[in-house]
N, C-alpha and C. Protein backbone atom coordinates (compact mmCIF):
# COMPACT_ATOMS: atom_id res chain seq x y z
N MET A 1 0.27 2.37 -18.32
CA MET A 1 0.62 1.56 -17.17
C MET A 1 1.94 0.87 -17.48
N THR A 2 2.92 1.04 -16.62
CA THR A 2 4.24 0.47 -16.79
C THR A 2 4.34 -0.83 -15.99
N ARG A 3 4.77 -1.90 -16.62
CA ARG A 3 4.90 -3.19 -15.95
C ARG A 3 6.33 -3.68 -16.07
N THR A 4 6.75 -4.42 -15.09
CA THR A 4 8.03 -5.09 -15.15
C THR A 4 7.74 -6.54 -15.52
N ASP A 5 8.78 -7.35 -15.67
CA ASP A 5 8.55 -8.78 -15.89
C ASP A 5 7.77 -9.30 -14.71
N HIS A 6 6.76 -10.12 -14.98
CA HIS A 6 5.89 -10.59 -13.90
C HIS A 6 6.60 -11.65 -13.05
N THR A 7 6.72 -11.36 -11.77
CA THR A 7 7.20 -12.32 -10.78
C THR A 7 6.08 -12.49 -9.78
N PRO A 8 5.50 -13.68 -9.67
CA PRO A 8 4.38 -13.87 -8.76
C PRO A 8 4.81 -13.78 -7.29
N PRO A 9 3.85 -13.55 -6.40
CA PRO A 9 4.15 -13.49 -4.98
C PRO A 9 4.81 -14.78 -4.49
N ARG A 10 5.76 -14.63 -3.54
CA ARG A 10 6.54 -15.78 -3.08
C ARG A 10 6.29 -16.16 -1.64
N ASN A 11 5.55 -15.34 -0.90
CA ASN A 11 5.28 -15.66 0.50
C ASN A 11 3.92 -15.09 0.89
N PRO A 12 3.41 -15.42 2.07
CA PRO A 12 2.06 -14.97 2.44
C PRO A 12 1.88 -13.45 2.45
N THR A 13 2.89 -12.71 2.89
CA THR A 13 2.76 -11.25 2.92
C THR A 13 2.68 -10.69 1.51
N GLU A 14 3.51 -11.21 0.60
CA GLU A 14 3.44 -10.76 -0.80
C GLU A 14 2.11 -11.13 -1.42
N HIS A 15 1.57 -12.31 -1.10
CA HIS A 15 0.26 -12.71 -1.63
C HIS A 15 -0.82 -11.75 -1.14
N LEU A 16 -0.78 -11.40 0.13
CA LEU A 16 -1.76 -10.46 0.69
C LEU A 16 -1.67 -9.11 -0.02
N LEU A 17 -0.46 -8.58 -0.13
CA LEU A 17 -0.27 -7.28 -0.77
C LEU A 17 -0.70 -7.29 -2.23
N ALA A 18 -0.29 -8.30 -2.97
CA ALA A 18 -0.66 -8.38 -4.39
C ALA A 18 -2.18 -8.47 -4.55
N GLY A 19 -2.83 -9.22 -3.67
CA GLY A 19 -4.29 -9.33 -3.73
C GLY A 19 -4.98 -8.01 -3.45
N ILE A 20 -4.48 -7.29 -2.47
CA ILE A 20 -5.06 -5.98 -2.15
C ILE A 20 -4.84 -5.01 -3.30
N TRP A 21 -3.63 -5.00 -3.87
CA TRP A 21 -3.36 -4.10 -4.99
C TRP A 21 -4.24 -4.45 -6.18
N ARG A 22 -4.42 -5.76 -6.47
CA ARG A 22 -5.30 -6.16 -7.58
C ARG A 22 -6.71 -5.63 -7.36
N GLU A 23 -7.22 -5.81 -6.15
CA GLU A 23 -8.58 -5.39 -5.82
C GLU A 23 -8.73 -3.88 -5.92
N VAL A 24 -7.83 -3.15 -5.29
CA VAL A 24 -7.93 -1.69 -5.25
C VAL A 24 -7.73 -1.07 -6.63
N LEU A 25 -6.80 -1.62 -7.41
CA LEU A 25 -6.48 -1.05 -8.72
C LEU A 25 -7.28 -1.66 -9.86
N GLY A 26 -8.08 -2.68 -9.56
CA GLY A 26 -8.90 -3.31 -10.60
C GLY A 26 -8.09 -4.07 -11.63
N LEU A 27 -7.02 -4.72 -11.19
CA LEU A 27 -6.14 -5.46 -12.08
C LEU A 27 -6.34 -6.97 -11.92
N THR A 28 -5.94 -7.73 -12.91
CA THR A 28 -6.03 -9.18 -12.81
C THR A 28 -4.73 -9.80 -12.33
N GLU A 29 -3.63 -9.05 -12.44
CA GLU A 29 -2.32 -9.62 -12.10
C GLU A 29 -1.40 -8.51 -11.57
N VAL A 30 -0.73 -8.80 -10.47
CA VAL A 30 0.27 -7.89 -9.91
C VAL A 30 1.48 -8.71 -9.52
N GLY A 31 2.64 -8.33 -10.04
CA GLY A 31 3.88 -9.00 -9.70
C GLY A 31 4.57 -8.30 -8.54
N VAL A 32 5.52 -8.99 -7.94
CA VAL A 32 6.17 -8.44 -6.75
C VAL A 32 7.08 -7.26 -7.05
N HIS A 33 7.46 -7.07 -8.30
CA HIS A 33 8.33 -5.95 -8.66
C HIS A 33 7.58 -4.82 -9.36
N ASP A 34 6.26 -4.94 -9.48
CA ASP A 34 5.46 -3.88 -10.08
C ASP A 34 5.36 -2.71 -9.10
N ASN A 35 5.47 -1.50 -9.64
CA ASN A 35 5.39 -0.28 -8.83
C ASN A 35 3.93 0.13 -8.70
N PHE A 36 3.47 0.32 -7.46
CA PHE A 36 2.08 0.66 -7.18
C PHE A 36 1.62 1.87 -7.99
N PHE A 37 2.43 2.91 -8.05
CA PHE A 37 2.03 4.14 -8.72
C PHE A 37 2.12 4.01 -10.24
N HIS A 38 3.02 3.20 -10.73
CA HIS A 38 3.10 2.96 -12.17
C HIS A 38 1.92 2.11 -12.65
N LEU A 39 1.34 1.33 -11.75
CA LEU A 39 0.17 0.51 -12.09
C LEU A 39 -1.13 1.32 -12.07
N GLY A 40 -1.05 2.57 -11.69
CA GLY A 40 -2.24 3.41 -11.65
C GLY A 40 -2.64 3.86 -10.26
N GLY A 41 -1.85 3.50 -9.25
CA GLY A 41 -2.14 3.91 -7.89
C GLY A 41 -1.99 5.42 -7.73
N ASP A 42 -2.81 5.98 -6.86
CA ASP A 42 -2.75 7.40 -6.56
C ASP A 42 -2.97 7.59 -5.06
N SER A 43 -3.12 8.83 -4.63
CA SER A 43 -3.25 9.08 -3.19
C SER A 43 -4.50 8.44 -2.60
N ILE A 44 -5.61 8.49 -3.31
CA ILE A 44 -6.84 7.89 -2.79
C ILE A 44 -6.72 6.38 -2.73
N SER A 45 -6.22 5.76 -3.80
CA SER A 45 -6.10 4.30 -3.79
C SER A 45 -5.05 3.85 -2.77
N SER A 46 -4.04 4.68 -2.51
CA SER A 46 -3.06 4.30 -1.49
C SER A 46 -3.71 4.28 -0.10
N LEU A 47 -4.63 5.19 0.15
CA LEU A 47 -5.37 5.18 1.42
C LEU A 47 -6.23 3.92 1.54
N ARG A 48 -6.80 3.50 0.44
CA ARG A 48 -7.61 2.27 0.44
C ARG A 48 -6.73 1.06 0.74
N VAL A 49 -5.52 1.03 0.18
CA VAL A 49 -4.58 -0.06 0.46
C VAL A 49 -4.22 -0.08 1.94
N ILE A 50 -3.90 1.08 2.50
CA ILE A 50 -3.53 1.18 3.91
C ILE A 50 -4.68 0.69 4.79
N ALA A 51 -5.90 1.10 4.48
CA ALA A 51 -7.05 0.67 5.28
C ALA A 51 -7.23 -0.84 5.23
N ARG A 52 -7.05 -1.44 4.05
CA ARG A 52 -7.19 -2.90 3.92
C ARG A 52 -6.08 -3.63 4.68
N LEU A 53 -4.87 -3.10 4.60
CA LEU A 53 -3.76 -3.73 5.33
C LEU A 53 -3.99 -3.65 6.84
N ARG A 54 -4.47 -2.51 7.29
CA ARG A 54 -4.75 -2.38 8.73
C ARG A 54 -5.87 -3.33 9.15
N ALA A 55 -6.88 -3.49 8.30
CA ALA A 55 -7.97 -4.42 8.61
C ALA A 55 -7.44 -5.85 8.69
N ALA A 56 -6.36 -6.14 7.95
CA ALA A 56 -5.75 -7.48 7.97
C ALA A 56 -4.72 -7.62 9.09
N GLY A 57 -4.58 -6.57 9.92
CA GLY A 57 -3.68 -6.66 11.07
C GLY A 57 -2.28 -6.13 10.85
N HIS A 58 -2.04 -5.45 9.75
CA HIS A 58 -0.72 -4.89 9.46
C HIS A 58 -0.76 -3.39 9.68
N GLU A 59 0.00 -2.92 10.65
CA GLU A 59 0.07 -1.48 10.92
C GLU A 59 1.05 -0.85 9.94
N VAL A 60 0.52 -0.29 8.88
CA VAL A 60 1.31 0.31 7.81
C VAL A 60 0.88 1.77 7.68
N SER A 61 1.86 2.63 7.47
CA SER A 61 1.55 4.06 7.32
C SER A 61 1.64 4.44 5.85
N LEU A 62 1.03 5.57 5.52
CA LEU A 62 1.10 6.08 4.16
C LEU A 62 2.54 6.36 3.72
N PRO A 63 3.37 6.97 4.56
CA PRO A 63 4.76 7.18 4.14
C PRO A 63 5.49 5.88 3.82
N GLU A 64 5.14 4.79 4.51
CA GLU A 64 5.78 3.50 4.20
C GLU A 64 5.44 3.05 2.79
N LEU A 65 4.17 3.22 2.38
CA LEU A 65 3.80 2.85 1.02
C LEU A 65 4.52 3.72 0.00
N PHE A 66 4.70 4.99 0.33
CA PHE A 66 5.41 5.88 -0.58
C PHE A 66 6.90 5.54 -0.65
N ARG A 67 7.49 5.04 0.44
CA ARG A 67 8.90 4.65 0.45
C ARG A 67 9.11 3.29 -0.19
N HIS A 68 8.16 2.38 -0.02
CA HIS A 68 8.29 0.99 -0.50
C HIS A 68 7.19 0.74 -1.52
N GLN A 69 7.46 1.08 -2.78
CA GLN A 69 6.41 1.15 -3.80
C GLN A 69 6.16 -0.14 -4.56
N THR A 70 6.90 -1.21 -4.24
CA THR A 70 6.63 -2.51 -4.87
C THR A 70 6.15 -3.48 -3.81
N VAL A 71 5.48 -4.53 -4.25
CA VAL A 71 5.00 -5.57 -3.33
C VAL A 71 6.18 -6.13 -2.54
N ALA A 72 7.27 -6.44 -3.23
CA ALA A 72 8.43 -7.04 -2.57
C ALA A 72 9.01 -6.12 -1.50
N ALA A 73 9.17 -4.84 -1.83
CA ALA A 73 9.77 -3.89 -0.88
C ALA A 73 8.86 -3.66 0.32
N LEU A 74 7.55 -3.52 0.08
CA LEU A 74 6.63 -3.28 1.19
C LEU A 74 6.50 -4.53 2.05
N ALA A 75 6.47 -5.71 1.43
CA ALA A 75 6.39 -6.96 2.20
C ALA A 75 7.60 -7.11 3.11
N GLU A 76 8.77 -6.77 2.60
CA GLU A 76 9.98 -6.84 3.41
C GLU A 76 9.93 -5.84 4.56
N ALA A 77 9.40 -4.65 4.29
CA ALA A 77 9.33 -3.61 5.31
C ALA A 77 8.36 -3.95 6.43
N ILE A 78 7.21 -4.54 6.08
CA ILE A 78 6.22 -4.83 7.12
C ILE A 78 6.42 -6.19 7.75
N GLY A 79 7.12 -7.08 7.06
CA GLY A 79 7.40 -8.40 7.61
C GLY A 79 6.16 -9.26 7.76
N PRO A 80 6.35 -10.51 8.15
CA PRO A 80 5.23 -11.43 8.24
C PRO A 80 4.26 -11.12 9.38
N THR A 81 4.73 -10.40 10.40
CA THR A 81 3.85 -10.10 11.53
C THR A 81 3.20 -8.74 11.42
N GLY A 82 3.58 -7.98 10.39
CA GLY A 82 3.01 -6.66 10.21
C GLY A 82 3.78 -5.57 10.94
N ALA A 83 4.86 -5.94 11.61
CA ALA A 83 5.67 -4.94 12.29
C ALA A 83 6.47 -4.17 11.25
N ALA A 84 6.27 -2.88 11.19
CA ALA A 84 6.96 -2.07 10.18
C ALA A 84 8.44 -2.01 10.49
N ALA A 85 9.23 -2.17 9.45
CA ALA A 85 10.68 -2.13 9.62
C ALA A 85 11.16 -0.69 9.52
N THR A 86 12.25 -0.41 10.18
CA THR A 86 12.87 0.90 10.09
C THR A 86 13.76 0.91 8.85
N ASP A 87 13.73 1.99 8.10
CA ASP A 87 14.57 2.08 6.92
C ASP A 87 16.02 1.94 7.32
N ALA A 88 16.79 1.23 6.50
CA ALA A 88 18.21 1.04 6.78
C ALA A 88 18.90 2.39 6.81
N GLY A 89 19.67 2.62 7.85
CA GLY A 89 20.41 3.85 7.95
C GLY A 89 19.66 4.99 8.62
N ALA A 90 18.37 4.85 8.83
CA ALA A 90 17.61 5.93 9.47
C ALA A 90 17.75 5.80 10.98
N SER A 91 17.99 6.92 11.61
CA SER A 91 18.10 6.92 13.07
C SER A 91 16.80 7.39 13.68
N GLU A 92 16.63 7.14 14.99
CA GLU A 92 15.40 7.55 15.65
C GLU A 92 15.20 9.05 15.60
N GLY A 93 16.26 9.81 15.60
CA GLY A 93 16.14 11.26 15.58
C GLY A 93 16.04 11.86 14.19
N ASP A 94 16.03 11.04 13.15
CA ASP A 94 15.97 11.51 11.77
C ASP A 94 14.63 12.18 11.50
N THR A 95 14.66 13.44 11.07
CA THR A 95 13.42 14.17 10.81
C THR A 95 13.34 14.60 9.36
N ALA A 96 14.03 13.89 8.46
CA ALA A 96 14.06 14.28 7.06
C ALA A 96 12.72 14.12 6.38
N GLY A 97 11.90 13.16 6.80
CA GLY A 97 10.63 12.91 6.15
C GLY A 97 9.48 13.23 7.05
N PRO A 98 8.24 13.02 6.54
CA PRO A 98 7.08 13.30 7.37
C PRO A 98 6.98 12.32 8.52
N ASP A 99 6.42 12.76 9.61
CA ASP A 99 6.18 11.93 10.77
C ASP A 99 5.04 10.97 10.45
N ASP A 100 5.26 9.67 10.63
CA ASP A 100 4.23 8.68 10.31
C ASP A 100 2.93 8.96 11.05
N SER A 101 3.00 9.56 12.22
CA SER A 101 1.78 9.82 12.98
C SER A 101 0.88 10.82 12.28
N ASP A 102 1.42 11.62 11.37
CA ASP A 102 0.60 12.57 10.63
C ASP A 102 -0.42 11.86 9.76
N PHE A 103 -0.18 10.61 9.42
CA PHE A 103 -1.05 9.87 8.52
C PHE A 103 -1.82 8.77 9.24
N GLY A 104 -1.77 8.75 10.56
CA GLY A 104 -2.40 7.69 11.31
C GLY A 104 -3.85 7.94 11.67
N LEU A 105 -4.50 8.89 11.05
CA LEU A 105 -5.87 9.22 11.38
C LEU A 105 -6.88 8.29 10.75
N LEU A 106 -6.50 7.57 9.72
CA LEU A 106 -7.42 6.67 9.04
C LEU A 106 -7.32 5.26 9.62
N GLY A 107 -8.44 4.69 9.88
CA GLY A 107 -8.49 3.32 10.37
C GLY A 107 -9.26 2.45 9.41
N ALA A 108 -9.38 1.18 9.76
CA ALA A 108 -10.08 0.23 8.90
C ALA A 108 -11.54 0.64 8.70
N GLY A 109 -12.14 1.32 9.66
CA GLY A 109 -13.52 1.75 9.54
C GLY A 109 -13.74 2.81 8.47
N ASP A 110 -12.66 3.45 8.04
CA ASP A 110 -12.77 4.48 7.00
C ASP A 110 -12.83 3.88 5.60
N LEU A 111 -12.65 2.58 5.48
CA LEU A 111 -12.61 1.92 4.18
C LEU A 111 -13.91 2.11 3.40
N ASP A 112 -15.05 1.96 4.06
CA ASP A 112 -16.33 2.13 3.37
C ASP A 112 -16.49 3.53 2.81
N VAL A 113 -16.08 4.52 3.57
CA VAL A 113 -16.19 5.91 3.11
C VAL A 113 -15.29 6.12 1.90
N LEU A 114 -14.06 5.63 1.97
CA LEU A 114 -13.13 5.78 0.84
C LEU A 114 -13.65 5.06 -0.39
N ASP A 115 -14.17 3.85 -0.21
CA ASP A 115 -14.73 3.11 -1.35
C ASP A 115 -15.88 3.88 -1.99
N ARG A 116 -16.76 4.43 -1.16
CA ARG A 116 -17.91 5.16 -1.68
C ARG A 116 -17.46 6.41 -2.43
N LEU A 117 -16.56 7.19 -1.82
CA LEU A 117 -16.09 8.41 -2.45
C LEU A 117 -15.32 8.12 -3.73
N TYR A 118 -14.46 7.11 -3.69
CA TYR A 118 -13.67 6.76 -4.86
C TYR A 118 -14.58 6.29 -5.99
N GLY A 119 -15.58 5.48 -5.64
CA GLY A 119 -16.53 4.97 -6.63
C GLY A 119 -17.32 6.10 -7.26
N GLU A 120 -17.77 7.07 -6.47
CA GLU A 120 -18.52 8.21 -7.00
C GLU A 120 -17.64 9.05 -7.91
N ALA A 121 -16.39 9.28 -7.52
CA ALA A 121 -15.48 10.09 -8.32
C ALA A 121 -15.17 9.38 -9.64
N LYS A 122 -15.00 8.07 -9.58
CA LYS A 122 -14.68 7.29 -10.78
C LYS A 122 -15.86 7.31 -11.75
N GLU A 123 -17.08 7.16 -11.22
CA GLU A 123 -18.28 7.20 -12.06
C GLU A 123 -18.45 8.56 -12.71
N ALA A 124 -18.17 9.62 -11.97
CA ALA A 124 -18.32 10.98 -12.49
C ALA A 124 -17.33 11.27 -13.60
N SER A 125 -16.16 10.63 -13.57
CA SER A 125 -15.14 10.89 -14.58
C SER A 125 -15.35 10.07 -15.85
N GLU A 126 -16.24 9.10 -15.80
CA GLU A 126 -16.46 8.23 -16.98
C GLU A 126 -17.47 8.80 -17.93
């Protein structure tokens, strides 16, 4: 697990994100410059993060988490109201990356299923 110097959350959105990452990744501490995937995040845990953020009222897509891999970057992208920011320099017609709607099939109600499946897979690997 790769860590940067610990910088604690500085605003409510960063506090929310750091708390979700701690819970999902089973960590005691997450700084705003820590990279989700370097901390042990993977595709399944990223879906769990998205489901928790949506349950908290933040409409975040999977591609956004992949583009903004630190608490600070994702907090800036989603803002205090949960409105996702457009990447700087990206135009509406830009088709270089995946369409966010491709990942919009999971809702907050899927959290229990993901938790159960992730828990079973984790137990089987131990």
